[in-house]
C-alpha atoms as a PDB file:
ATOM      1  CA  MET A   1    -172.546-104.030 133.442  1.00  0.00           C
ATOM      2  CA  SER A   2    -169.316-104.116 131.468  1.00  0.00           C
ATOM      3  CA  ALA A   3    -165.878-103.749 132.998  1.00  0.00           C
ATOM      4  CA  PRO A   4    -164.376-100.267 133.129  1.00  0.00           C
ATOM      5  CA  ALA A   5    -161.943 -99.180 130.461  1.00  0.00           C
ATOM      6  CA  ALA A   6    -158.487-100.659 130.976  1.00  0.00           C
ATOM      7  CA  PRO A   7    -155.311 -98.602 131.210  1.00  0.00           C
ATOM      8  CA  ALA A   8    -153.083 -98.505 128.145  1.00  0.00           C
ATOM      9  CA  GLY A   9    -151.000-101.640 127.872  1.00  0.00           C
ATOM     10  CA  ASP A  10    -153.401-103.576 130.114  1.00  0.00           C
ATOM     11  CA  PRO A  11    -153.086-107.347 129.565  1.00  0.00           C
ATOM     12  CA  ALA A  12    -156.910-107.529 129.931  1.00  0.00           C
ATOM     13  CA  PRO A  13    -157.457-110.751 131.888  1.00  0.00           C
ATOM     14  CA  ASP A  14    -160.090-113.045 130.364  1.00  0.00           C
ATOM     15  CA  LEU A  15    -162.773-112.404 132.943  1.00  0.00           C
ATOM     16  CA  GLN A  16    -165.434-114.462 131.202  1.00  0.00           C
ATOM     17  CA  ALA A  17    -163.211-117.535 131.060  1.00  0.00           C
ATOM     18  CA  LEU A  18    -162.558-117.239 134.775  1.00  0.00           C
ATOM     19  CA  LEU A  19    -166.246-116.796 135.557  1.00  0.00           C
ATOM     20  CA  GLU A  20    -167.051-119.937 133.575  1.00  0.00           C
ATOM     21  CA  ARG A  21    -164.403-121.854 135.489  1.00  0.00           C
ATOM     22  CA  LEU A  22    -165.847-120.597 138.780  1.00  0.00           C
ATOM     23  CA  GLN A  23    -169.398-121.340 137.582  1.00  0.00           C
ATOM     24  CA  VAL A  24    -170.658-117.990 138.792  1.00  0.00           C
ATOM     25  CA  HIS A  25    -172.451-115.007 137.263  1.00  0.00           C
ATOM     26  CA  LEU A  26    -171.648-111.400 138.141  1.00  0.00           C
ATOM     27  CA  ASP A  27    -173.831-108.422 137.310  1.00  0.00           C
ATOM     28  CA  ASP A  28    -170.792-106.156 137.537  1.00  0.00           C
ATOM     29  CA  VAL A  29    -167.806-107.889 135.947  1.00  0.00           C
ATOM     30  CA  GLY A  30    -165.712-104.889 136.909  1.00  0.00           C
ATOM     31  CA  VAL A  31    -165.691-106.059 140.523  1.00  0.00           C
ATOM     32  CA  LEU A  32    -163.916-109.226 139.399  1.00  0.00           C
ATOM     33  CA  ARG A  33    -161.312-107.191 137.561  1.00  0.00           C
ATOM     34  CA  ARG A  34    -160.703-105.233 140.755  1.00  0.00           C
ATOM     35  CA  ALA A  35    -160.327-108.504 142.658  1.00  0.00           C
ATOM     36  CA  LEU A  36    -157.555-109.488 140.235  1.00  0.00           C
ATOM     37  CA  THR A  37    -155.674-106.196 140.574  1.00  0.00           C
ATOM     38  CA  HIS A  38    -152.557-106.629 142.687  1.00  0.00           C
ATOM     39  CA  ARG A  39    -151.198-103.556 144.433  1.00  0.00           C
ATOM     40  CA  SER A  40    -148.077-103.648 142.216  1.00  0.00           C
ATOM     41  CA  TRP A  41    -150.278-103.163 139.135  1.00  0.00           C
ATOM     42  CA  ALA A  42    -152.308-100.465 140.850  1.00  0.00           C
ATOM     43  CA  PHE A  43    -149.111 -98.610 141.792  1.00  0.00           C
ATOM     44  CA  GLU A  44    -147.817 -98.649 138.224  1.00  0.00           C
ATOM     45  CA  ASN A  45    -151.185 -97.535 136.832  1.00  0.00           C
ATOM     46  CA  GLY A  46    -152.039 -94.609 139.108  1.00  0.00           C
ATOM     47  CA  GLY A  47    -155.608 -94.223 140.217  1.00  0.00           C
ATOM     48  CA  VAL A  48    -156.440 -97.928 139.954  1.00  0.00           C
ATOM     49  CA  GLU A  49    -157.945 -99.505 143.058  1.00  0.00           C
ATOM     50  CA  PRO A  50    -156.117-102.650 144.234  1.00  0.00           C
ATOM     51  CA  ASN A  51    -157.840-105.751 145.512  1.00  0.00           C
ATOM     52  CA  GLU A  52    -156.977-105.342 149.194  1.00  0.00           C
ATOM     53  CA  ARG A  53    -160.433-104.274 150.411  1.00  0.00           C
ATOM     54  CA  LEU A  54    -162.044-107.176 148.559  1.00  0.00           C
ATOM     55  CA  GLU A  55    -159.416-109.503 150.033  1.00  0.00           C
ATOM     56  CA  PHE A  56    -160.386-108.299 153.515  1.00  0.00           C
ATOM     57  CA  LEU A  57    -164.035-109.001 152.787  1.00  0.00           C
ATOM     58  CA  GLY A  58    -163.395-112.378 151.184  1.00  0.00           C
ATOM     59  CA  ASP A  59    -161.262-113.513 154.109  1.00  0.00           C
ATOM     60  CA  ALA A  60    -164.188-112.993 156.471  1.00  0.00           C
ATOM     61  CA  VAL A  61    -166.682-114.741 154.180  1.00  0.00           C
ATOM     62  CA  LEU A  62    -164.332-117.679 153.650  1.00  0.00           C
ATOM     63  CA  GLY A  63    -163.783-118.111 157.372  1.00  0.00           C
ATOM     64  CA  LEU A  64    -167.512-118.169 158.082  1.00  0.00           C
ATOM     65  CA  VAL A  65    -168.329-120.646 155.310  1.00  0.00           C
ATOM     66  CA  VAL A  66    -165.501-123.030 156.204  1.00  0.00           C
ATOM     67  CA  THR A  67    -166.526-122.873 159.869  1.00  0.00           C
ATOM     68  CA  ASP A  68    -170.142-123.638 158.984  1.00  0.00           C
ATOM     69  CA  GLU A  69    -169.136-126.525 156.723  1.00  0.00           C
ATOM     70  CA  ILE A  70    -166.893-128.299 159.217  1.00  0.00           C
ATOM     71  CA  PHE A  71    -169.255-127.602 162.122  1.00  0.00           C
ATOM     72  CA  HIS A  72    -172.101-129.448 160.397  1.00  0.00           C
ATOM     73  CA  ALA A  73    -169.942-132.118 158.750  1.00  0.00           C
ATOM     74  CA  HIS A  74    -168.349-133.198 162.040  1.00  0.00           C
ATOM     75  CA  PRO A  75    -170.998-132.994 164.788  1.00  0.00           C
ATOM     76  CA  ASP A  76    -168.950-135.088 167.223  1.00  0.00           C
ATOM     77  CA  GLU A  77    -165.663-133.173 166.952  1.00  0.00           C
ATOM     78  CA  GLN A  78    -164.500-130.926 169.759  1.00  0.00           C
ATOM     79  CA  GLU A  79    -163.902-127.209 169.280  1.00  0.00           C
ATOM     80  CA  GLY A  80    -160.114-127.548 169.358  1.00  0.00           C
ATOM     81  CA  ARG A  81    -160.068-130.049 166.525  1.00  0.00           C
ATOM     82  CA  LEU A  82    -162.510-127.995 164.436  1.00  0.00           C
ATOM     83  CA  ALA A  83    -160.324-124.927 164.940  1.00  0.00           C
ATOM     84  CA  LYS A  84    -157.285-126.826 163.673  1.00  0.00           C
ATOM     85  CA  VAL A  85    -159.099-128.007 160.554  1.00  0.00           C
ATOM     86  CA  ARG A  86    -160.376-124.500 159.847  1.00  0.00           C
ATOM     87  CA  SER A  87    -156.930-123.000 160.335  1.00  0.00           C
ATOM     88  CA  ALA A  88    -155.366-125.532 157.982  1.00  0.00           C
ATOM     89  CA  ALA A  89    -158.081-125.018 155.361  1.00  0.00           C
ATOM     90  CA  VAL A  90    -157.684-121.237 155.171  1.00  0.00           C
ATOM     91  CA  LYS A  91    -153.907-120.986 155.527  1.00  0.00           C
ATOM     92  CA  THR A  92    -151.943-119.471 152.658  1.00  0.00           C
ATOM     93  CA  ALA A  93    -150.661-122.769 151.262  1.00  0.00           C
ATOM     94  CA  SER A  94    -154.165-124.280 151.121  1.00  0.00           C
ATOM     95  CA  LEU A  95    -155.633-121.226 149.422  1.00  0.00           C
ATOM     96  CA  ALA A  96    -152.791-121.153 146.918  1.00  0.00           C
ATOM     97  CA  GLU A  97    -153.398-124.794 146.048  1.00  0.00           C
ATOM     98  CA  VAL A  98    -157.076-124.086 145.405  1.00  0.00           C
ATOM     99  CA  ALA A  99    -156.142-121.020 143.332  1.00  0.00           C
ATOM    100  CA  ARG A 100    -153.757-123.071 141.189  1.00  0.00           C
ATOM    101  CA  GLY A 101    -156.514-125.598 140.645  1.00  0.00           C
ATOM    102  CA  ILE A 102    -158.651-122.979 138.905  1.00  0.00           C
ATOM    103  CA  GLY A 103    -155.749-121.400 137.021  1.00  0.00           C
ATOM    104  CA  LEU A 104    -156.137-118.108 138.866  1.00  0.00           C
ATOM    105  CA  GLY A 105    -152.521-117.009 138.470  1.00  0.00           C
ATOM    106  CA  ARG A 106    -152.751-116.294 134.754  1.00  0.00           C
ATOM    107  CA  HIS A 107    -155.578-113.811 135.337  1.00  0.00           C
ATOM    108  CA  ILE A 108    -153.888-111.673 138.019  1.00  0.00           C
ATOM    109  CA  LEU A 109    -152.824-108.150 137.060  1.00  0.00           C
ATOM    110  CA  LEU A 110    -149.267-107.647 138.298  1.00  0.00           C
ATOM    111  CA  GLY A 111    -146.716-104.888 138.019  1.00  0.00           C
ATOM    112  CA  VAL A 112    -143.741-105.486 135.749  1.00  0.00           C
ATOM    113  CA  GLY A 113    -141.295-106.351 138.514  1.00  0.00           C
ATOM    114  CA  GLU A 114    -143.713-108.626 140.346  1.00  0.00           C
ATOM    115  CA  ALA A 115    -144.612-110.431 137.143  1.00  0.00           C
ATOM    116  CA  GLN A 116    -140.968-110.952 136.210  1.00  0.00           C
ATOM    117  CA  SER A 117    -140.209-112.419 139.644  1.00  0.00           C
ATOM    118  CA  GLY A 118    -142.896-115.079 139.239  1.00  0.00           C
ATOM    119  CA  GLY A 119    -145.610-113.341 141.222  1.00  0.00           C
ATOM    120  CA  ALA A 120    -148.383-115.188 139.405  1.00  0.00           C
ATOM    121  CA  ASP A 121    -147.320-118.379 141.170  1.00  0.00           C
ATOM    122  CA  LYS A 122    -146.447-117.016 144.616  1.00  0.00           C
ATOM    123  CA  ASP A 123    -148.511-118.582 147.368  1.00  0.00           C
ATOM    124  CA  SER A 124    -149.165-115.256 149.088  1.00  0.00           C
ATOM    125  CA  ILE A 125    -150.408-113.515 145.934  1.00  0.00           C
ATOM    126  CA  LEU A 126    -152.538-116.469 144.857  1.00  0.00           C
ATOM    127  CA  ALA A 127    -154.093-116.762 148.309  1.00  0.00           C
ATOM    128  CA  ASP A 128    -154.811-113.049 148.633  1.00  0.00           C
ATOM    129  CA  THR A 129    -156.298-112.881 145.143  1.00  0.00           C
ATOM    130  CA  LEU A 130    -158.525-115.890 145.745  1.00  0.00           C
ATOM    131  CA  GLU A 131    -159.898-114.206 148.864  1.00  0.00           C
ATOM    132  CA  ALA A 132    -160.493-111.040 146.830  1.00  0.00           C
ATOM    133  CA  VAL A 133    -162.396-113.041 144.207  1.00  0.00           C
ATOM    134  CA  LEU A 134    -164.562-114.548 146.942  1.00  0.00           C
ATOM    135  CA  GLY A 135    -165.166-111.050 148.267  1.00  0.00           C
ATOM    136  CA  ALA A 136    -166.170-109.895 144.785  1.00  0.00           C
ATOM    137  CA  VAL A 137    -168.708-112.708 144.409  1.00  0.00           C
ATOM    138  CA  TYR A 138    -170.148-111.940 147.840  1.00  0.00           C
ATOM    139  CA  LEU A 139    -170.356-108.219 147.084  1.00  0.00           C
ATOM    140  CA  ASP A 140    -172.030-108.683 143.705  1.00  0.00           C
ATOM    141  CA  GLN A 141    -174.219-111.747 144.244  1.00  0.00           C
ATOM    142  CA  GLY A 142    -174.621-112.116 147.982  1.00  0.00           C
ATOM    143  CA  PHE A 143    -173.799-114.687 150.607  1.00  0.00           C
ATOM    144  CA  ALA A 144    -175.602-117.663 149.066  1.00  0.00           C
ATOM    145  CA  SER A 145    -173.607-117.470 145.839  1.00  0.00           C
ATOM    146  CA  ALA A 146    -170.350-116.983 147.736  1.00  0.00           C
ATOM    147  CA  TYR A 147    -171.198-119.954 149.955  1.00  0.00           C
ATOM    148  CA  ASP A 148    -171.887-122.188 146.951  1.00  0.00           C
ATOM    149  CA  LEU A 149    -168.600-121.192 145.322  1.00  0.00           C
ATOM    150  CA  ILE A 150    -166.545-121.800 148.468  1.00  0.00           C
ATOM    151  CA  GLU A 151    -168.294-125.112 149.032  1.00  0.00           C
ATOM    152  CA  ARG A 152    -167.306-126.258 145.523  1.00  0.00           C
ATOM    153  CA  LEU A 153    -163.745-124.984 145.689  1.00  0.00           C
ATOM    154  CA  PHE A 154    -162.933-126.301 149.155  1.00  0.00           C
ATOM    155  CA  ALA A 155    -164.916-129.551 149.320  1.00  0.00           C
ATOM    156  CA  GLU A 156    -161.908-131.766 148.566  1.00  0.00           C
ATOM    157  CA  VAL A 157    -159.598-129.798 150.853  1.00  0.00           C
ATOM    158  CA  LEU A 158    -161.969-130.094 153.812  1.00  0.00           C
ATOM    159  CA  VAL A 159    -162.506-133.831 153.344  1.00  0.00           C
ATOM    160  CA  GLU A 160    -158.778-134.461 153.100  1.00  0.00           C
ATOM    161  CA  LEU A 161    -157.987-132.389 156.189  1.00  0.00           C
ATOM    162  CA  ALA A 162    -160.661-134.131 158.212  1.00  0.00           C
ATOM    163  CA  ASP A 163    -159.239-137.518 157.210  1.00  0.00           C
ATOM    164  CA  ARG A 164    -155.667-136.718 158.149  1.00  0.00           C
ATOM    165  CA  GLY A 165    -155.913-137.075 161.907  1.00  0.00           C
ATOM    166  CA  ALA A 166    -154.410-134.672 164.387  1.00  0.00           C
ATOM    167  CA  ALA A 167    -151.531-133.563 162.190  1.00  0.00           C
ATOM    168  CA  LEU A 168    -152.589-130.912 159.701  1.00  0.00           C
ATOM    169  CA  ASP A 169    -149.384-130.218 157.842  1.00  0.00           C
ATOM    170  CA  TYR A 170    -148.012-132.822 155.484  1.00  0.00           C
ATOM    171  CA  LYS A 171    -144.544-133.191 157.008  1.00  0.00           C
ATOM    172  CA  THR A 172    -146.023-133.929 160.419  1.00  0.00           C
ATOM    173  CA  SER A 173    -148.726-136.151 158.910  1.00  0.00           C
ATOM    174  CA  LEU A 174    -146.131-138.130 156.963  1.00  0.00           C
ATOM    175  CA  GLN A 175    -143.882-138.503 159.984  1.00  0.00           C
ATOM    176  CA  GLU A 176    -146.764-139.851 162.081  1.00  0.00           C
ATOM    177  CA  LEU A 177    -147.846-142.208 159.295  1.00  0.00           C
ATOM    178  CA  THR A 178    -144.402-143.717 158.743  1.00  0.00           C
ATOM    179  CA  ALA A 179    -143.684-143.980 162.464  1.00  0.00           C
ATOM    180  CA  ALA A 180    -146.960-145.805 163.074  1.00  0.00           C
ATOM    181  CA  HIS A 181    -146.883-148.175 160.106  1.00  0.00           C
ATOM    182  CA  TYR A 182    -143.198-148.612 159.281  1.00  0.00           C
ATOM    183  CA  GLU A 183    -141.497-147.687 162.566  1.00  0.00           C
ATOM    184  CA  LEU A 184    -139.340-145.300 160.563  1.00  0.00           C
ATOM    185  CA  LEU A 185    -139.082-141.587 159.954  1.00  0.00           C
ATOM    186  CA  PRO A 186    -138.938-140.034 156.488  1.00  0.00           C
ATOM    187  CA  ARG A 187    -135.686-138.623 155.167  1.00  0.00           C
ATOM    188  CA  TYR A 188    -135.534-135.466 153.019  1.00  0.00           C
ATOM    189  CA  GLN A 189    -132.998-134.329 150.463  1.00  0.00           C
ATOM    190  CA  VAL A 190    -133.160-130.816 149.024  1.00  0.00           C
ATOM    191  CA  THR A 191    -131.265-129.307 146.100  1.00  0.00           C
ATOM    192  CA  ASP A 192    -131.474-125.805 144.666  1.00  0.00           C
ATOM    193  CA  THR A 193    -130.790-124.218 141.305  1.00  0.00           C
ATOM    194  CA  GLY A 194    -130.721-120.693 139.918  1.00  0.00           C
ATOM    195  CA  PRO A 195    -129.312-117.359 141.073  1.00  0.00           C
ATOM    196  CA  ASP A 196    -129.633-116.221 144.675  1.00  0.00           C
ATOM    197  CA  HIS A 197    -132.521-113.862 143.913  1.00  0.00           C
ATOM    198  CA  ALA A 198    -134.577-116.506 142.094  1.00  0.00           C
ATOM    199  CA  LYS A 199    -133.656-119.917 143.467  1.00  0.00           C
ATOM    200  CA  ALA A 200    -135.804-122.976 142.814  1.00  0.00           C
ATOM    201  CA  PHE A 201    -135.745-125.819 145.333  1.00  0.00           C
ATOM    202  CA  THR A 202    -136.428-129.502 144.701  1.00  0.00           C
ATOM    203  CA  ALA A 203    -137.048-131.933 147.562  1.00  0.00           C
ATOM    204  CA  THR A 204    -137.356-135.692 147.639  1.00  0.00           C
ATOM    205  CA  VAL A 205    -138.500-137.760 150.594  1.00  0.00           C
ATOM    206  CA  SER A 206    -137.682-141.415 151.107  1.00  0.00           C
ATOM    207  CA  VAL A 207    -138.790-144.154 153.462  1.00  0.00           C
ATOM    208  CA  ALA A 208    -136.498-147.142 153.943  1.00  0.00           C
ATOM    209  CA  GLY A 209    -134.418-146.008 151.004  1.00  0.00           C
ATOM    210  CA  GLU A 210    -137.325-145.707 148.554  1.00  0.00           C
ATOM    211  CA  VAL A 211    -138.186-142.258 147.195  1.00  0.00           C
ATOM    212  CA  VAL A 212    -141.924-141.920 147.706  1.00  0.00           C
ATOM    213  CA  GLY A 213    -142.427-138.218 147.042  1.00  0.00           C
ATOM    214  CA  ALA A 214    -140.931-135.198 145.324  1.00  0.00           C
ATOM    215  CA  GLY A 215    -141.813-131.533 145.211  1.00  0.00           C
ATOM    216  CA  GLU A 216    -140.611-128.143 144.039  1.00  0.00           C
ATOM    217  CA  GLY A 217    -140.886-124.731 145.647  1.00  0.00           C
ATOM    218  CA  ARG A 218    -139.422-121.272 146.011  1.00  0.00           C
ATOM    219  CA  ASN A 219    -137.880-122.229 149.355  1.00  0.00           C
ATOM    220  CA  LYS A 220    -136.800-125.361 151.224  1.00  0.00           C
ATOM    221  CA  LYS A 221    -139.905-125.524 153.400  1.00  0.00           C
ATOM    222  CA  GLU A 222    -142.302-125.281 150.476  1.00  0.00           C
ATOM    223  CA  ALA A 223    -140.461-127.939 148.479  1.00  0.00           C
ATOM    224  CA  GLU A 224    -140.409-130.320 151.444  1.00  0.00           C
ATOM    225  CA  GLN A 225    -144.118-129.814 152.142  1.00  0.00           C
ATOM    226  CA  ARG A 226    -144.977-130.643 148.533  1.00  0.00           C
ATOM    227  CA  ALA A 227    -142.762-133.722 148.610  1.00  0.00           C
ATOM    228  CA  ALA A 228    -144.367-134.778 151.895  1.00  0.00           C
ATOM    229  CA  ARG A 229    -147.832-134.319 150.418  1.00  0.00           C
ATOM    230  CA  GLU A 230    -147.035-136.616 147.515  1.00  0.00           C
ATOM    231  CA  ALA A 231    -145.434-139.184 149.818  1.00  0.00           C
ATOM    232  CA  TYR A 232    -148.305-139.078 152.305  1.00  0.00           C
ATOM    233  CA  ARG A 233    -150.893-139.683 149.597  1.00  0.00           C
ATOM    234  CA  GLU A 234    -148.860-142.516 148.070  1.00  0.00           C
ATOM    235  CA  LEU A 235    -148.225-144.338 151.346  1.00  0.00           C
ATOM    236  CA  ALA A 236    -151.769-143.781 152.628  1.00  0.00           C
ATOM    237  CA  ALA A 237    -153.092-145.343 149.416  1.00  0.00           C
ATOM    238  CA  ARG A 238    -150.766-148.337 149.830  1.00  0.00           C
ATOM    239  CA  ILE A 239    -151.857-148.833 153.411  1.00  0.00           C
ATOM    240  CA  ASP A 240    -155.501-148.562 152.396  1.00  0.00           C
ATOM    241  CA  ARG A 241    -155.016-151.183 149.669  1.00  0.00           C
ATOM    242  CA  ALA A 242    -153.386-153.455 152.253  1.00  0.00           C
ATOM    243  CA  GLY A 243    -156.433-153.271 154.497  1.00  0.00           C
ATOM    244  CA  GLY A 244    -155.260-150.604 156.909  1.00  0.00           C
ATOM    245  CA  ARG A 245    -151.809-151.971 157.629  1.00  0.00           C
ATOM    246  CA  ALA A 246    -148.424-151.245 156.108  1.00  0.00           C
ATOM    247  CA  PRO A 247    -147.711-153.499 153.106  1.00  0.00           C
ATOM    248  CA  ASP A 248    -145.388-156.375 153.863  1.00  0.00           C
ATOM    249  CA  PRO A 249    -141.752-155.320 153.275  1.00  0.00           C
ATOM    250  CA  ALA A 250    -141.450-157.994 150.612  1.00  0.00           C
ATOM    251  CA  ASP A 251    -144.379-156.536 148.688  1.00  0.00           C
ATOM    252  CA  ALA A 252    -143.049-154.812 145.579  1.00  0.00           C
ATOM    253  CA  SER A 253    -145.862-152.255 145.736  1.00  0.00           C
ATOM    254  CA  GLY A 254    -144.631-150.889 149.069  1.00  0.00           C
ATOM    255  CA  PRO A 255    -141.316-149.788 150.454  1.00  0.00           C
ATOM    256  CA  SER A 256    -138.799-152.439 151.388  1.00  0.00           C
ATOM    257  CA  VAL A 257    -138.281-151.788 155.078  1.00  0.00           C
ATOM    258  CA  PRO A 258    -134.832-152.489 156.454  1.00  0.00           C
ATOM    259  CA  ARG A 259    -134.904-151.358 160.092  1.00  0.00           C
ATOM    260  CA  ALA A 260    -131.353-150.032 160.087  1.00  0.00           C
ATOM    261  CA  VAL A 261    -132.262-146.542 158.950  1.00  0.00           C
ATOM    262  CA  GLY A 262    -131.114-143.191 160.322  1.00  0.00           C
ATOM    263  CA  ASP A 263    -132.823-141.594 163.266  1.00  0.00           C
ATOM    264  CA  GLY A 264    -134.705-139.083 161.139  1.00  0.00           C
ATOM    265  CA  SER A 265    -132.936-136.156 162.738  1.00  0.00           C
ATOM    266  CA  ASP A 266    -132.863-134.432 159.362  1.00  0.00           C
ATOM    267  CA  VAL A 267    -136.650-134.086 159.397  1.00  0.00           C
ATOM    268  CA  GLY A 268    -137.271-130.373 159.757  1.00  0.00           C
END
């Protein structure tokens, strides 16, 4: 079935390109268009149904699939730990990262104001739209197809979360990693640019004076989390290459570790 006629001036998202990227088939492509319709677009084009009902449905399907995946992948884990992994996997930032990975933002139908304010890259909009897309696949093709799609999209996220120990946000994970292996805490520096209504933040994080991660975001917290993610992956890789211990301070591939470093009180 073809998609319904678009309102005048509709940017007509390339539904087929998105379906190919998702590796799914839909009998009714119109349901995917509805999943991509943000409420700001629906408001400006009266009579158009937004994606909120599909988002509600997709949220439930996603939660069940992620729960099933981690339950069977980690038979020895206790309920509390499984709950933490699930919560981290389906939180807004994780969903937005997955959505960016499939280029979802460029397909979302947004109202003029929302589009001009960078809505296509907002974590909340990306996360909600991804859930709506999952709801659309479930509605059109059933649970098995939705399960397969979620399994593909979230496989890497679930493995990484399971490998990160008790801490399931990157700032906490990084702090625990550096404290354990370097006896230091990371230090963050954040700068911002742009007008008050559209600021962009850039964060760097250093260990023993070496910058090991950087990230950008629409607020301080987001920028620091992205910097921490980069730093965590870099340092974890170094430690892995060194056989599970922190590289020697004299090793040029790792941070030089003078012990006289601040107390880390700036870690927020």
